PDB file of N, CA and C in Angstrom:
ATOM      1  N   MET A   1     102.269 118.734  57.028  1.00  0.00           N
ATOM      2  CA  MET A   1     102.245 118.415  58.684  1.00  0.00           C
ATOM      3  C   MET A   1     101.443 117.401  59.015  1.00  0.00           C
ATOM      4  N   THR A   2     102.206 116.776  59.792  1.00  0.00           N
ATOM      5  CA  THR A   2     101.519 115.781  60.629  1.00  0.00           C
ATOM      6  C   THR A   2     100.918 116.141  61.988  1.00  0.00           C
ATOM      7  N   ALA A   3      99.560 115.396  62.384  1.00  0.00           N
ATOM      8  CA  ALA A   3      99.047 115.604  63.795  1.00  0.00           C
ATOM      9  C   ALA A   3     100.377 114.886  64.430  1.00  0.00           C
ATOM     10  N   PRO A   4     100.250 115.339  65.834  1.00  0.00           N
ATOM     11  CA  PRO A   4     101.041 114.601  66.581  1.00  0.00           C
ATOM     12  C   PRO A   4     100.196 113.268  67.111  1.00  0.00           C
ATOM     13  N   GLY A   5     100.616 111.919  67.242  1.00  0.00           N
ATOM     14  CA  GLY A   5     100.216 110.868  67.582  1.00  0.00           C
ATOM     15  C   GLY A   5      99.662 110.829  69.110  1.00  0.00           C
ATOM     16  N   PHE A   6      99.188 110.111  69.965  1.00  0.00           N
ATOM     17  CA  PHE A   6      98.336 110.250  70.878  1.00  0.00           C
ATOM     18  C   PHE A   6      98.137 108.617  71.169  1.00  0.00           C
ATOM     19  N   ASP A   7      99.000 108.533  72.246  1.00  0.00           N
ATOM     20  CA  ASP A   7      98.646 106.959  72.959  1.00  0.00           C
ATOM     21  C   ASP A   7      98.008 107.143  74.649  1.00  0.00           C
ATOM     22  N   PRO A   8      97.388 107.020  74.698  1.00  0.00           N
ATOM     23  CA  PRO A   8      96.615 106.551  76.060  1.00  0.00           C
ATOM     24  C   PRO A   8      97.522 105.864  76.812  1.00  0.00           C
ATOM     25  N   ALA A   9      97.938 105.849  77.600  1.00  0.00           N
ATOM     26  CA  ALA A   9      98.397 104.864  78.741  1.00  0.00           C
ATOM     27  C   ALA A   9      97.207 103.711  79.316  1.00  0.00           C
ATOM     28  N   PRO A  10      97.423 102.673  79.094  1.00  0.00           N
ATOM     29  CA  PRO A  10      96.517 101.900  79.859  1.00  0.00           C
ATOM     30  C   PRO A  10      96.002 101.487  81.004  1.00  0.00           C
ATOM     31  N   ALA A  11      94.721 101.289  80.696  1.00  0.00           N
ATOM     32  CA  ALA A  11      93.645 101.784  82.433  1.00  0.00           C
ATOM     33  C   ALA A  11      94.540 100.760  83.110  1.00  0.00           C
ATOM     34  N   ALA A  12      94.373 101.243  84.501  1.00  0.00           N
ATOM     35  CA  ALA A  12      94.780 100.452  85.525  1.00  0.00           C
ATOM     36  C   ALA A  12      93.916  98.839  85.738  1.00  0.00           C
ATOM     37  N   ALA A  13      94.125  97.939  86.445  1.00  0.00           N
ATOM     38  CA  ALA A  13      93.438  96.983  86.232  1.00  0.00           C
ATOM     39  C   ALA A  13      92.664  97.019  87.621  1.00  0.00           C
ATOM     40  N   GLY A  14      91.553  96.436  87.728  1.00  0.00           N
ATOM     41  CA  GLY A  14      90.814  96.414  88.684  1.00  0.00           C
ATOM     42  C   GLY A  14      89.291  96.750  87.861  1.00  0.00           C
ATOM     43  N   PRO A  15      88.145  96.939  89.239  1.00  0.00           N
ATOM     44  CA  PRO A  15      86.777  97.708  89.192  1.00  0.00           C
ATOM     45  C   PRO A  15      86.982  99.084  88.493  1.00  0.00           C
ATOM     46  N   ARG A  16      85.989  99.320  87.571  1.00  0.00           N
ATOM     47  CA  ARG A  16      85.836 100.483  87.031  1.00  0.00           C
ATOM     48  C   ARG A  16      84.419 100.693  87.148  1.00  0.00           C
ATOM     49  N   VAL A  17      84.129 102.248  88.013  1.00  0.00           N
ATOM     50  CA  VAL A  17      82.919 102.949  88.271  1.00  0.00           C
ATOM     51  C   VAL A  17      82.543 103.622  86.780  1.00  0.00           C
ATOM     52  N   ARG A  18      81.376 102.686  86.148  1.00  0.00           N
ATOM     53  CA  ARG A  18      80.966 103.244  84.517  1.00  0.00           C
ATOM     54  C   ARG A  18      79.814 104.246  84.981  1.00  0.00           C
ATOM     55  N   GLY A  19      79.433 104.570  85.913  1.00  0.00           N
ATOM     56  CA  GLY A  19      78.468 105.756  85.987  1.00  0.00           C
ATOM     57  C   GLY A  19      77.578 105.068  87.417  1.00  0.00           C
ATOM     58  N   PHE A  20      76.849 105.960  87.612  1.00  0.00           N
ATOM     59  CA  PHE A  20      75.556 106.131  88.875  1.00  0.00           C
ATOM     60  C   PHE A  20      74.587 107.018  88.628  1.00  0.00           C
ATOM     61  N   SER A  21      73.552 106.233  89.203  1.00  0.00           N
ATOM     62  CA  SER A  21      71.724 107.265  89.506  1.00  0.00           C
ATOM     63  C   SER A  21      71.676 107.548  90.608  1.00  0.00           C
ATOM     64  N   ALA A  22      70.376 107.992  90.869  1.00  0.00           N
ATOM     65  CA  ALA A  22      70.081 108.527  91.643  1.00  0.00           C
ATOM     66  C   ALA A  22      70.181 107.733  93.037  1.00  0.00           C
ATOM     67  N   ASP A  23      70.375 106.439  92.912  1.00  0.00           N
ATOM     68  CA  ASP A  23      70.583 105.555  94.260  1.00  0.00           C
ATOM     69  C   ASP A  23      71.207 104.105  94.184  1.00  0.00           C
ATOM     70  N   SER A  24      72.435 104.202  93.054  1.00  0.00           N
ATOM     71  CA  SER A  24      73.216 103.187  92.824  1.00  0.00           C
ATOM     72  C   SER A  24      74.137 103.457  91.708  1.00  0.00           C
ATOM     73  N   PHE A  25      75.176 102.738  91.985  1.00  0.00           N
ATOM     74  CA  PHE A  25      76.396 102.996  91.278  1.00  0.00           C
ATOM     75  C   PHE A  25      76.680 101.440  90.410  1.00  0.00           C
ATOM     76  N   LEU A  26      77.408 101.815  89.031  1.00  0.00           N
ATOM     77  CA  LEU A  26      77.432 100.917  88.163  1.00  0.00           C
ATOM     78  C   LEU A  26      79.044 100.499  88.028  1.00  0.00           C
ATOM     79  N   ILE A  27      78.996  99.537  88.507  1.00  0.00           N
ATOM     80  CA  ILE A  27      80.675  99.021  88.405  1.00  0.00           C
ATOM     81  C   ILE A  27      80.443  97.650  87.405  1.00  0.00           C
ATOM     82  N   ASP A  28      81.658  97.858  86.364  1.00  0.00           N
ATOM     83  CA  ASP A  28      81.956  96.829  85.650  1.00  0.00           C
ATOM     84  C   ASP A  28      80.474  95.915  85.155  1.00  0.00           C
ATOM     85  N   GLY A  29      79.611  96.495  85.158  1.00  0.00           N
ATOM     86  CA  GLY A  29      78.089  96.039  84.383  1.00  0.00           C
ATOM     87  C   GLY A  29      77.324  95.681  85.441  1.00  0.00           C
ATOM     88  N   ALA A  30      77.557  95.204  86.921  1.00  0.00           N
ATOM     89  CA  ALA A  30      77.081  95.520  88.115  1.00  0.00           C
ATOM     90  C   ALA A  30      76.325  96.461  88.725  1.00  0.00           C
ATOM     91  N   VAL A  31      75.292  96.415  89.201  1.00  0.00           N
ATOM     92  CA  VAL A  31      74.820  97.553  90.029  1.00  0.00           C
ATOM     93  C   VAL A  31      74.905  97.508  91.354  1.00  0.00           C
ATOM     94  N   PHE A  32      75.461  98.417  92.137  1.00  0.00           N
ATOM     95  CA  PHE A  32      75.487  98.118  93.500  1.00  0.00           C
ATOM     96  C   PHE A  32      74.720  99.774  93.948  1.00  0.00           C
ATOM     97  N   ARG A  33      73.718  99.170  95.449  1.00  0.00           N
ATOM     98  CA  ARG A  33      73.641 100.215  95.868  1.00  0.00           C
ATOM     99  C   ARG A  33      75.019 101.021  96.700  1.00  0.00           C
ATOM    100  N   ALA A  34      75.818 100.268  97.367  1.00  0.00           N
ATOM    101  CA  ALA A  34      76.880 100.899  97.948  1.00  0.00           C
ATOM    102  C   ALA A  34      78.060  99.714  97.701  1.00  0.00           C
ATOM    103  N   ALA A  35      79.249 100.157  97.611  1.00  0.00           N
ATOM    104  CA  ALA A  35      80.183  98.991  97.217  1.00  0.00           C
ATOM    105  C   ALA A  35      81.650  99.552  97.992  1.00  0.00           C
ATOM    106  N   LEU A  36      82.512  98.261  97.949  1.00  0.00           N
ATOM    107  CA  LEU A  36      83.935  98.351  98.846  1.00  0.00           C
ATOM    108  C   LEU A  36      84.495  98.022  97.495  1.00  0.00           C
ATOM    109  N   LEU A  37      85.593  98.840  97.205  1.00  0.00           N
ATOM    110  CA  LEU A  37      86.573  99.360  96.246  1.00  0.00           C
ATOM    111  C   LEU A  37      87.850  98.953  96.706  1.00  0.00           C
ATOM    112  N   THR A  38      88.466  97.739  95.765  1.00  0.00           N
ATOM    113  CA  THR A  38      90.190  97.698  95.882  1.00  0.00           C
ATOM    114  C   THR A  38      90.499  97.803  94.824  1.00  0.00           C
ATOM    115  N   PRO A  39      92.046  97.606  94.254  1.00  0.00           N
ATOM    116  CA  PRO A  39      92.239  97.526  92.858  1.00  0.00           C
ATOM    117  C   PRO A  39      92.310  96.379  92.334  1.00  0.00           C
ATOM    118  N   GLU A  40      91.553  95.321  93.351  1.00  0.00           N
ATOM    119  CA  GLU A  40      91.699  94.011  92.799  1.00  0.00           C
ATOM    120  C   GLU A  40      90.243  93.528  92.313  1.00  0.00           C
ATOM    121  N   ASN A  41      89.290  94.087  93.346  1.00  0.00           N
ATOM    122  CA  ASN A  41      87.334  93.801  93.288  1.00  0.00           C
ATOM    123  C   ASN A  41      86.765  94.578  93.945  1.00  0.00           C
ATOM    124  N   ALA A  42      85.665  94.686  93.428  1.00  0.00           N
ATOM    125  CA  ALA A  42      84.604  95.564  93.909  1.00  0.00           C
ATOM    126  C   ALA A  42      83.579  94.603  94.422  1.00  0.00           C
ATOM    127  N   VAL A  43      83.105  94.512  95.942  1.00  0.00           N
ATOM    128  CA  VAL A  43      82.263  93.945  96.338  1.00  0.00           C
ATOM    129  C   VAL A  43      81.130  95.029  97.290  1.00  0.00           C
ATOM    130  N   ALA A  44      79.631  94.411  97.269  1.00  0.00           N
ATOM    131  CA  ALA A  44      78.840  94.749  97.341  1.00  0.00           C
ATOM    132  C   ALA A  44      78.533  94.608  99.163  1.00  0.00           C
ATOM    133  N   TRP A  45      78.335  96.267  99.697  1.00  0.00           N
ATOM    134  CA  TRP A  45      78.723  97.027 101.023  1.00  0.00           C
ATOM    135  C   TRP A  45      77.537  96.799 101.639  1.00  0.00           C
ATOM    136  N   ASP A  46      77.077  96.725 102.730  1.00  0.00           N
ATOM    137  CA  ASP A  46      76.148  97.411 103.282  1.00  0.00           C
ATOM    138  C   ASP A  46      76.380  97.890 104.848  1.00  0.00           C
ATOM    139  N   PRO A  47      76.923  99.493 104.162  1.00  0.00           N
ATOM    140  CA  PRO A  47      77.612 100.288 105.461  1.00  0.00           C
ATOM    141  C   PRO A  47      76.484 100.748 106.787  1.00  0.00           C
ATOM    142  N   PRO A  48      76.870 100.837 107.750  1.00  0.00           N
ATOM    143  CA  PRO A  48      75.866 101.454 108.870  1.00  0.00           C
ATOM    144  C   PRO A  48      75.937 102.811 108.497  1.00  0.00           C
ATOM    145  N   ALA A  49      75.280 103.588 109.318  1.00  0.00           N
ATOM    146  CA  ALA A  49      75.304 104.960 109.416  1.00  0.00           C
ATOM    147  C   ALA A  49      76.945 106.060 109.838  1.00  0.00           C
ATOM    148  N   LEU A  50      76.924 106.815 108.757  1.00  0.00           N
ATOM    149  CA  LEU A  50      77.893 107.319 109.055  1.00  0.00           C
ATOM    150  C   LEU A  50      78.629 107.423 110.660  1.00  0.00           C
ATOM    151  N   ALA A  51      77.647 108.084 111.153  1.00  0.00           N
ATOM    152  CA  ALA A  51      78.138 107.752 112.552  1.00  0.00           C
ATOM    153  C   ALA A  51      78.481 106.719 113.467  1.00  0.00           C
ATOM    154  N   ALA A  52      78.445 105.800 112.792  1.00  0.00           N
ATOM    155  CA  ALA A  52      78.568 104.625 113.646  1.00  0.00           C
ATOM    156  C   ALA A  52      79.733 103.752 112.722  1.00  0.00           C
ATOM    157  N   LEU A  53      80.487 104.490 112.193  1.00  0.00           N
ATOM    158  CA  LEU A  53      81.462 103.546 110.875  1.00  0.00           C
ATOM    159  C   LEU A  53      82.429 103.145 111.837  1.00  0.00           C
ATOM    160  N   GLN A  54      83.217 101.759 111.605  1.00  0.00           N
ATOM    161  CA  GLN A  54      84.208 101.333 112.638  1.00  0.00           C
ATOM    162  C   GLN A  54      85.211 100.604 111.702  1.00  0.00           C
ATOM    163  N   LEU A  55      86.110 100.728 111.846  1.00  0.00           N
ATOM    164  CA  LEU A  55      86.951  99.670 111.543  1.00  0.00           C
ATOM    165  C   LEU A  55      86.625  98.076 110.673  1.00  0.00           C
ATOM    166  N   ALA A  56      85.804  97.500 111.253  1.00  0.00           N
ATOM    167  CA  ALA A  56      85.697  96.200 110.729  1.00  0.00           C
ATOM    168  C   ALA A  56      84.525  96.612 109.825  1.00  0.00           C
ATOM    169  N   ASP A  57      83.821  97.827 109.584  1.00  0.00           N
ATOM    170  CA  ASP A  57      82.931  97.806 108.422  1.00  0.00           C
ATOM    171  C   ASP A  57      84.067  97.517 106.818  1.00  0.00           C
ATOM    172  N   VAL A  58      85.129  98.570 107.059  1.00  0.00           N
ATOM    173  CA  VAL A  58      85.914  98.142 105.665  1.00  0.00           C
ATOM    174  C   VAL A  58      87.127  97.157 105.888  1.00  0.00           C
ATOM    175  N   ALA A  59      86.572  96.173 106.548  1.00  0.00           N
ATOM    176  CA  ALA A  59      87.932  95.417 106.858  1.00  0.00           C
ATOM    177  C   ALA A  59      88.202  94.751 105.682  1.00  0.00           C
ATOM    178  N   PRO A  60      87.424  94.320 104.110  1.00  0.00           N
ATOM    179  CA  PRO A  60      87.774  93.708 103.159  1.00  0.00           C
ATOM    180  C   PRO A  60      88.662  94.683 102.470  1.00  0.00           C
ATOM    181  N   LEU A  61      88.974  95.957 102.612  1.00  0.00           N
ATOM    182  CA  LEU A  61      89.601  96.852 102.096  1.00  0.00           C
ATOM    183  C   LEU A  61      90.957  96.682 102.721  1.00  0.00           C
ATOM    184  N   LEU A  62      91.376  96.649 103.764  1.00  0.00           N
ATOM    185  CA  LEU A  62      92.069  96.551 104.771  1.00  0.00           C
ATOM    186  C   LEU A  62      93.125  94.886 104.915  1.00  0.00           C
ATOM    187  N   ALA A  63      92.549  94.270 104.211  1.00  0.00           N
ATOM    188  CA  ALA A  63      92.967  92.857 104.103  1.00  0.00           C
ATOM    189  C   ALA A  63      93.809  92.422 102.975  1.00  0.00           C
ATOM    190  N   LEU A  64      94.020  93.383 102.348  1.00  0.00           N
ATOM    191  CA  LEU A  64      95.195  93.071 100.855  1.00  0.00           C
ATOM    192  C   LEU A  64      96.417  93.306 101.156  1.00  0.00           C
ATOM    193  N   ALA A  65      97.483  92.395 100.615  1.00  0.00           N
ATOM    194  CA  ALA A  65      98.305  91.927 101.120  1.00  0.00           C
ATOM    195  C   ALA A  65      99.480  93.128 101.020  1.00  0.00           C
ATOM    196  N   ARG A  66      98.917  94.043 100.670  1.00  0.00           N
ATOM    197  CA  ARG A  66      99.797  95.688 100.479  1.00  0.00           C
ATOM    198  C   ARG A  66      98.452  96.631 100.840  1.00  0.00           C
ATOM    199  N   PRO A  67      98.668  97.593 102.089  1.00  0.00           N
ATOM    200  CA  PRO A  67      97.715  98.329 102.386  1.00  0.00           C
ATOM    201  C   PRO A  67      97.577  99.309 101.131  1.00  0.00           C
ATOM    202  N   PRO A  68      96.468  99.845 101.207  1.00  0.00           N
ATOM    203  CA  PRO A  68      95.993 101.022 100.302  1.00  0.00           C
ATOM    204  C   PRO A  68      96.924 102.107 100.898  1.00  0.00           C
ATOM    205  N   GLU A  69      97.317 103.411  99.869  1.00  0.00           N
ATOM    206  CA  GLU A  69      97.863 104.597 100.064  1.00  0.00           C
ATOM    207  C   GLU A  69      96.474 105.284 100.943  1.00  0.00           C
ATOM    208  N   PHE A  70      95.422 105.533 100.466  1.00  0.00           N
ATOM    209  CA  PHE A  70      94.860 105.965 101.227  1.00  0.00           C
ATOM    210  C   PHE A  70      93.052 105.475 100.901  1.00  0.00           C
ATOM    211  N   LEU A  71      92.231 105.792 101.919  1.00  0.00           N
ATOM    212  CA  LEU A  71      90.837 105.301 101.623  1.00  0.00           C
ATOM    213  C   LEU A  71      90.187 106.587 100.928  1.00  0.00           C
ATOM    214  N   ILE A  72      89.395 106.398  99.605  1.00  0.00           N
ATOM    215  CA  ILE A  72      88.470 107.503  99.267  1.00  0.00           C
ATOM    216  C   ILE A  72      87.057 106.722 100.285  1.00  0.00           C
ATOM    217  N   LEU A  73      86.474 107.513 101.010  1.00  0.00           N
ATOM    218  CA  LEU A  73      85.257 107.612 101.360  1.00  0.00           C
ATOM    219  C   LEU A  73      84.191 108.192 101.014  1.00  0.00           C
ATOM    220  N   GLY A  74      83.292 107.659 100.279  1.00  0.00           N
ATOM    221  CA  GLY A  74      82.053 108.468  99.475  1.00  0.00           C
ATOM    222  C   GLY A  74      81.289 108.409 100.620  1.00  0.00           C
ATOM    223  N   THR A  75      80.665 109.579 101.327  1.00  0.00           N
ATOM    224  CA  THR A  75      79.489 109.741 102.606  1.00  0.00           C
ATOM    225  C   THR A  75      78.237 109.894 102.272  1.00  0.00           C
ATOM    226  N   GLY A  76      77.655 109.478 100.787  1.00  0.00           N
ATOM    227  CA  GLY A  76      76.500 109.642 100.479  1.00  0.00           C
ATOM    228  C   GLY A  76      75.991 110.897  99.610  1.00  0.00           C
ATOM    229  N   PRO A  77      75.405 111.191  99.600  1.00  0.00           N
ATOM    230  CA  PRO A  77      74.630 112.366  98.912  1.00  0.00           C
ATOM    231  C   PRO A  77      75.397 113.933  99.110  1.00  0.00           C
ATOM    232  N   ALA A  78      76.074 113.978 100.699  1.00  0.00           N
ATOM    233  CA  ALA A  78      76.843 115.340 100.350  1.00  0.00           C
ATOM    234  C   ALA A  78      78.118 114.747 101.608  1.00  0.00           C
ATOM    235  N   THR A  79      78.935 115.608 101.694  1.00  0.00           N
ATOM    236  CA  THR A  79      80.433 115.398 102.111  1.00  0.00           C
ATOM    237  C   THR A  79      80.242 115.391 103.777  1.00  0.00           C
ATOM    238  N   SER A  80      80.509 114.396 104.187  1.00  0.00           N
ATOM    239  CA  SER A  80      79.952 114.579 105.686  1.00  0.00           C
ATOM    240  C   SER A  80      81.457 113.652 106.286  1.00  0.00           C
ATOM    241  N   LEU A  81      81.889 114.357 107.827  1.00  0.00           N
ATOM    242  CA  LEU A  81      83.085 113.692 108.487  1.00  0.00           C
ATOM    243  C   LEU A  81      83.033 112.503 109.034  1.00  0.00           C
ATOM    244  N   PRO A  82      83.802 111.412 108.845  1.00  0.00           N
ATOM    245  CA  PRO A  82      83.678 110.242 109.733  1.00  0.00           C
ATOM    246  C   PRO A  82      83.673 110.406 110.839  1.00  0.00           C
ATOM    247  N   PRO A  83      83.701 109.379 112.069  1.00  0.00           N
ATOM    248  CA  PRO A  83      83.858 109.617 112.974  1.00  0.00           C
ATOM    249  C   PRO A  83      85.442 109.576 113.347  1.00  0.00           C
ATOM    250  N   ARG A  84      86.069 110.117 114.365  1.00  0.00           N
ATOM    251  CA  ARG A  84      87.650 111.032 114.393  1.00  0.00           C
ATOM    252  C   ARG A  84      88.226 109.353 114.739  1.00  0.00           C
ATOM    253  N   GLY A  85      87.804 108.657 115.628  1.00  0.00           N
ATOM    254  CA  GLY A  85      88.139 107.556 115.799  1.00  0.00           C
ATOM    255  C   GLY A  85      88.494 106.683 114.867  1.00  0.00           C
ATOM    256  N   PHE A  86      87.585 106.298 113.939  1.00  0.00           N
ATOM    257  CA  PHE A  86      87.555 105.819 113.013  1.00  0.00           C
ATOM    258  C   PHE A  86      88.645 106.435 111.981  1.00  0.00           C
ATOM    259  N   VAL A  87      89.228 107.551 111.475  1.00  0.00           N
ATOM    260  CA  VAL A  87      89.981 108.112 111.134  1.00  0.00           C
ATOM    261  C   VAL A  87      91.291 108.020 111.704  1.00  0.00           C
ATOM    262  N   ALA A  88      91.524 108.162 112.935  1.00  0.00           N
ATOM    263  CA  ALA A  88      92.772 108.296 113.748  1.00  0.00           C
ATOM    264  C   ALA A  88      92.946 106.632 113.680  1.00  0.00           C
ATOM    265  N   THR A  89      92.300 105.595 113.773  1.00  0.00           N
ATOM    266  CA  THR A  89      93.012 104.237 113.529  1.00  0.00           C
ATOM    267  C   THR A  89      93.459 103.782 112.550  1.00  0.00           C
ATOM    268  N   LEU A  90      93.062 104.590 110.930  1.00  0.00           N
ATOM    269  CA  LEU A  90      93.451 104.290 109.615  1.00  0.00           C
ATOM    270  C   LEU A  90      94.366 104.637 109.653  1.00  0.00           C
ATOM    271  N   GLU A  91      94.723 106.463 110.217  1.00  0.00           N
ATOM    272  CA  GLU A  91      95.954 106.851 110.055  1.00  0.00           C
ATOM    273  C   GLU A  91      97.225 106.397 110.927  1.00  0.00           C
ATOM    274  N   ALA A  92      96.747 105.429 111.945  1.00  0.00           N
ATOM    275  CA  ALA A  92      98.025 105.063 112.978  1.00  0.00           C
ATOM    276  C   ALA A  92      98.551 103.932 112.156  1.00  0.00           C
ATOM    277  N   GLN A  93      97.589 103.405 111.125  1.00  0.00           N
ATOM    278  CA  GLN A  93      97.957 102.589 110.525  1.00  0.00           C
ATOM    279  C   GLN A  93      98.954 102.837 109.260  1.00  0.00           C
ATOM    280  N   GLY A  94      98.691 104.102 108.925  1.00  0.00           N
ATOM    281  CA  GLY A  94      99.695 104.363 107.590  1.00  0.00           C
ATOM    282  C   GLY A  94      98.657 104.980 106.293  1.00  0.00           C
ATOM    283  N   ILE A  95      96.852 104.651 106.684  1.00  0.00           N
ATOM    284  CA  ILE A  95      96.210 104.784 105.588  1.00  0.00           C
ATOM    285  C   ILE A  95      95.764 106.164 106.029  1.00  0.00           C
ATOM    286  N   GLY A  96      95.822 107.050 104.989  1.00  0.00           N
ATOM    287  CA  GLY A  96      95.009 108.251 104.967  1.00  0.00           C
ATOM    288  C   GLY A  96      93.464 108.108 104.516  1.00  0.00           C
ATOM    289  N   VAL A  97      92.866 109.252 105.018  1.00  0.00           N
ATOM    290  CA  VAL A  97      91.094 109.189 104.642  1.00  0.00           C
ATOM    291  C   VAL A  97      90.464 110.519 103.750  1.00  0.00           C
ATOM    292  N   GLU A  98      89.926 109.939 102.744  1.00  0.00           N
ATOM    293  CA  GLU A  98      89.960 111.511 102.157  1.00  0.00           C
ATOM    294  C   GLU A  98      88.025 111.452 101.897  1.00  0.00           C
ATOM    295  N   ALA A  99      87.427 112.199 102.645  1.00  0.00           N
ATOM    296  CA  ALA A  99      85.650 112.095 103.233  1.00  0.00           C
ATOM    297  C   ALA A  99      85.358 112.723 101.549  1.00  0.00           C
ATOM    298  N   MET A 100      84.547 112.765 100.791  1.00  0.00           N
ATOM    299  CA  MET A 100      83.253 113.459  99.850  1.00  0.00           C
ATOM    300  C   MET A 100      82.403 112.570  99.802  1.00  0.00           C
ATOM    301  N   ASP A 101      81.689 113.472  99.276  1.00  0.00           N
ATOM    302  CA  ASP A 101      80.327 113.000  98.644  1.00  0.00           C
ATOM    303  C   ASP A 101      80.409 111.816  97.583  1.00  0.00           C
ATOM    304  N   SER A 102      79.932 110.653  97.357  1.00  0.00           N
ATOM    305  CA  SER A 102      79.543 109.569  97.107  1.00  0.00           C
ATOM    306  C   SER A 102      80.318 109.242  95.549  1.00  0.00           C
ATOM    307  N   ARG A 103      79.031 110.721  94.856  1.00  0.00           N
ATOM    308  CA  ARG A 103      79.654 110.735  93.456  1.00  0.00           C
ATOM    309  C   ARG A 103      80.824 111.384  93.202  1.00  0.00           C
ATOM    310  N   ALA A 104      81.212 112.359  93.595  1.00  0.00           N
ATOM    311  CA  ALA A 104      82.740 113.162  93.759  1.00  0.00           C
ATOM    312  C   ALA A 104      83.642 111.623  94.351  1.00  0.00           C
ATOM    313  N   ALA A 105      83.563 110.825  95.043  1.00  0.00           N
ATOM    314  CA  ALA A 105      84.397 109.747  95.797  1.00  0.00           C
ATOM    315  C   ALA A 105      84.559 108.567  94.484  1.00  0.00           C
ATOM    316  N   ALA A 106      83.339 108.304  93.376  1.00  0.00           N
ATOM    317  CA  ALA A 106      83.486 107.212  92.394  1.00  0.00           C
ATOM    318  C   ALA A 106      84.217 108.242  91.518  1.00  0.00           C
ATOM    319  N   ARG A 107      83.961 109.493  91.251  1.00  0.00           N
ATOM    320  CA  ARG A 107      84.784 109.674  89.939  1.00  0.00           C
ATOM    321  C   ARG A 107      86.858 109.697  90.916  1.00  0.00           C
ATOM    322  N   THR A 108      86.976 110.301  92.216  1.00  0.00           N
ATOM    323  CA  THR A 108      88.236 110.252  92.310  1.00  0.00           C
ATOM    324  C   THR A 108      89.064 108.641  91.946  1.00  0.00           C
ATOM    325  N   TRP A 109      88.212 107.668  92.430  1.00  0.00           N
ATOM    326  CA  TRP A 109      88.395 106.734  92.378  1.00  0.00           C
ATOM    327  C   TRP A 109      89.077 106.328  90.988  1.00  0.00           C
ATOM    328  N   GLY A 110      88.003 106.815  89.750  1.00  0.00           N
ATOM    329  CA  GLY A 110      88.547 106.292  88.637  1.00  0.00           C
ATOM    330  C   GLY A 110      89.628 107.138  87.920  1.00  0.00           C
ATOM    331  N   LEU A 111      89.828 108.589  88.368  1.00  0.00           N
ATOM    332  CA  LEU A 111      91.047 109.220  88.220  1.00  0.00           C
ATOM    333  C   LEU A 111      91.982 108.762  88.732  1.00  0.00           C
ATOM    334  N   LEU A 112      91.947 108.733  90.156  1.00  0.00           N
ATOM    335  CA  LEU A 112      93.662 107.943  91.232  1.00  0.00           C
ATOM    336  C   LEU A 112      93.574 106.702  90.416  1.00  0.00           C
ATOM    337  N   ARG A 113      92.662 106.087  90.036  1.00  0.00           N
ATOM    338  CA  ARG A 113      93.324 104.101  89.766  1.00  0.00           C
ATOM    339  C   ARG A 113      93.660 104.357  88.023  1.00  0.00           C
ATOM    340  N   GLY A 114      93.377 105.243  87.501  1.00  0.00           N
ATOM    341  CA  GLY A 114      94.233 105.415  85.990  1.00  0.00           C
ATOM    342  C   GLY A 114      95.062 105.680  86.086  1.00  0.00           C
ATOM    343  N   GLU A 115      95.259 106.551  86.918  1.00  0.00           N
ATOM    344  CA  GLU A 115      97.512 106.795  87.629  1.00  0.00           C
ATOM    345  C   GLU A 115      97.579 105.599  88.081  1.00  0.00           C
ATOM    346  N   GLY A 116      96.935 104.739  88.242  1.00  0.00           N
ATOM    347  CA  GLY A 116      98.023 103.383  89.019  1.00  0.00           C
ATOM    348  C   GLY A 116      98.136 103.379  90.219  1.00  0.00           C
ATOM    349  N   ARG A 117      97.360 104.352  90.991  1.00  0.00           N
ATOM    350  CA  ARG A 117      97.442 104.753  92.465  1.00  0.00           C
ATOM    351  C   ARG A 117      96.927 103.567  93.286  1.00  0.00           C
ATOM    352  N   TRP A 118      97.403 102.576  93.924  1.00  0.00           N
ATOM    353  CA  TRP A 118      96.826 101.614  95.165  1.00  0.00           C
ATOM    354  C   TRP A 118      96.126 102.292  95.916  1.00  0.00           C
ATOM    355  N   ILE A 119      94.717 102.502  96.175  1.00  0.00           N
ATOM    356  CA  ILE A 119      93.917 102.936  96.527  1.00  0.00           C
ATOM    357  C   ILE A 119      92.637 102.083  97.262  1.00  0.00           C
ATOM    358  N   ALA A 120      92.039 102.478  98.176  1.00  0.00           N
ATOM    359  CA  ALA A 120      90.781 101.515  98.466  1.00  0.00           C
ATOM    360  C   ALA A 120      89.604 102.529  98.625  1.00  0.00           C
ATOM    361  N   ALA A 121      88.139 102.169  97.948  1.00  0.00           N
ATOM    362  CA  ALA A 121      87.169 103.181  98.340  1.00  0.00           C
ATOM    363  C   ALA A 121      86.061 102.480  99.259  1.00  0.00           C
ATOM    364  N   ALA A 122      85.587 103.502  99.463  1.00  0.00           N
ATOM    365  CA  ALA A 122      84.206 102.545 100.644  1.00  0.00           C
ATOM    366  C   ALA A 122      82.797 103.327 100.154  1.00  0.00           C
ATOM    367  N   LEU A 123      82.042 103.339  99.145  1.00  0.00           N
ATOM    368  CA  LEU A 123      81.092 103.919  98.705  1.00  0.00           C
ATOM    369  C   LEU A 123      79.530 103.769  99.094  1.00  0.00           C
ATOM    370  N   MET A 124      79.214 105.016  99.836  1.00  0.00           N
ATOM    371  CA  MET A 124      77.903 104.905 100.671  1.00  0.00           C
ATOM    372  C   MET A 124      77.273 105.316  99.692  1.00  0.00           C
ATOM    373  N   PRO A 125      75.590 104.695 100.296  1.00  0.00           N
ATOM    374  CA  PRO A 125      74.812 104.883  99.197  1.00  0.00           C
ATOM    375  C   PRO A 125      74.249 106.294  99.316  1.00  0.00           C
ATOM    376  N   PHE A 126      73.553 106.785  97.826  1.00  0.00           N
ATOM    377  CA  PHE A 126      73.182 108.504  98.256  1.00  0.00           C
ATOM    378  C   PHE A 126      71.919 108.424  99.132  1.00  0.00           C
TER     379      PHE A 126
END
């Protein structure tokens, strides 16, 4: 009897979160305290306090030729809700917002990008 073969699907293109520590993310060999991720790249980010988050703070995520399905928002060490106006503005553009702690957001990014989903992420520091 022969064991069935398994050919994993190729990983989707774009940045991969390889790990995180107490205060940073390892993304494709570079260390980021906070980051904005698109299916095309990762950039360092200097976010405001969550309560002050505005659309302009995530503008690079919205500048894609194809808008993301939704934004994964890593809110730091614990899950917190972003400002209602921020969420409402994105939803009015057809972009959902999923807020969770930043470690969960980094893991979710990997899972959903592995499925080839066209998403964006904003990972706040721990």
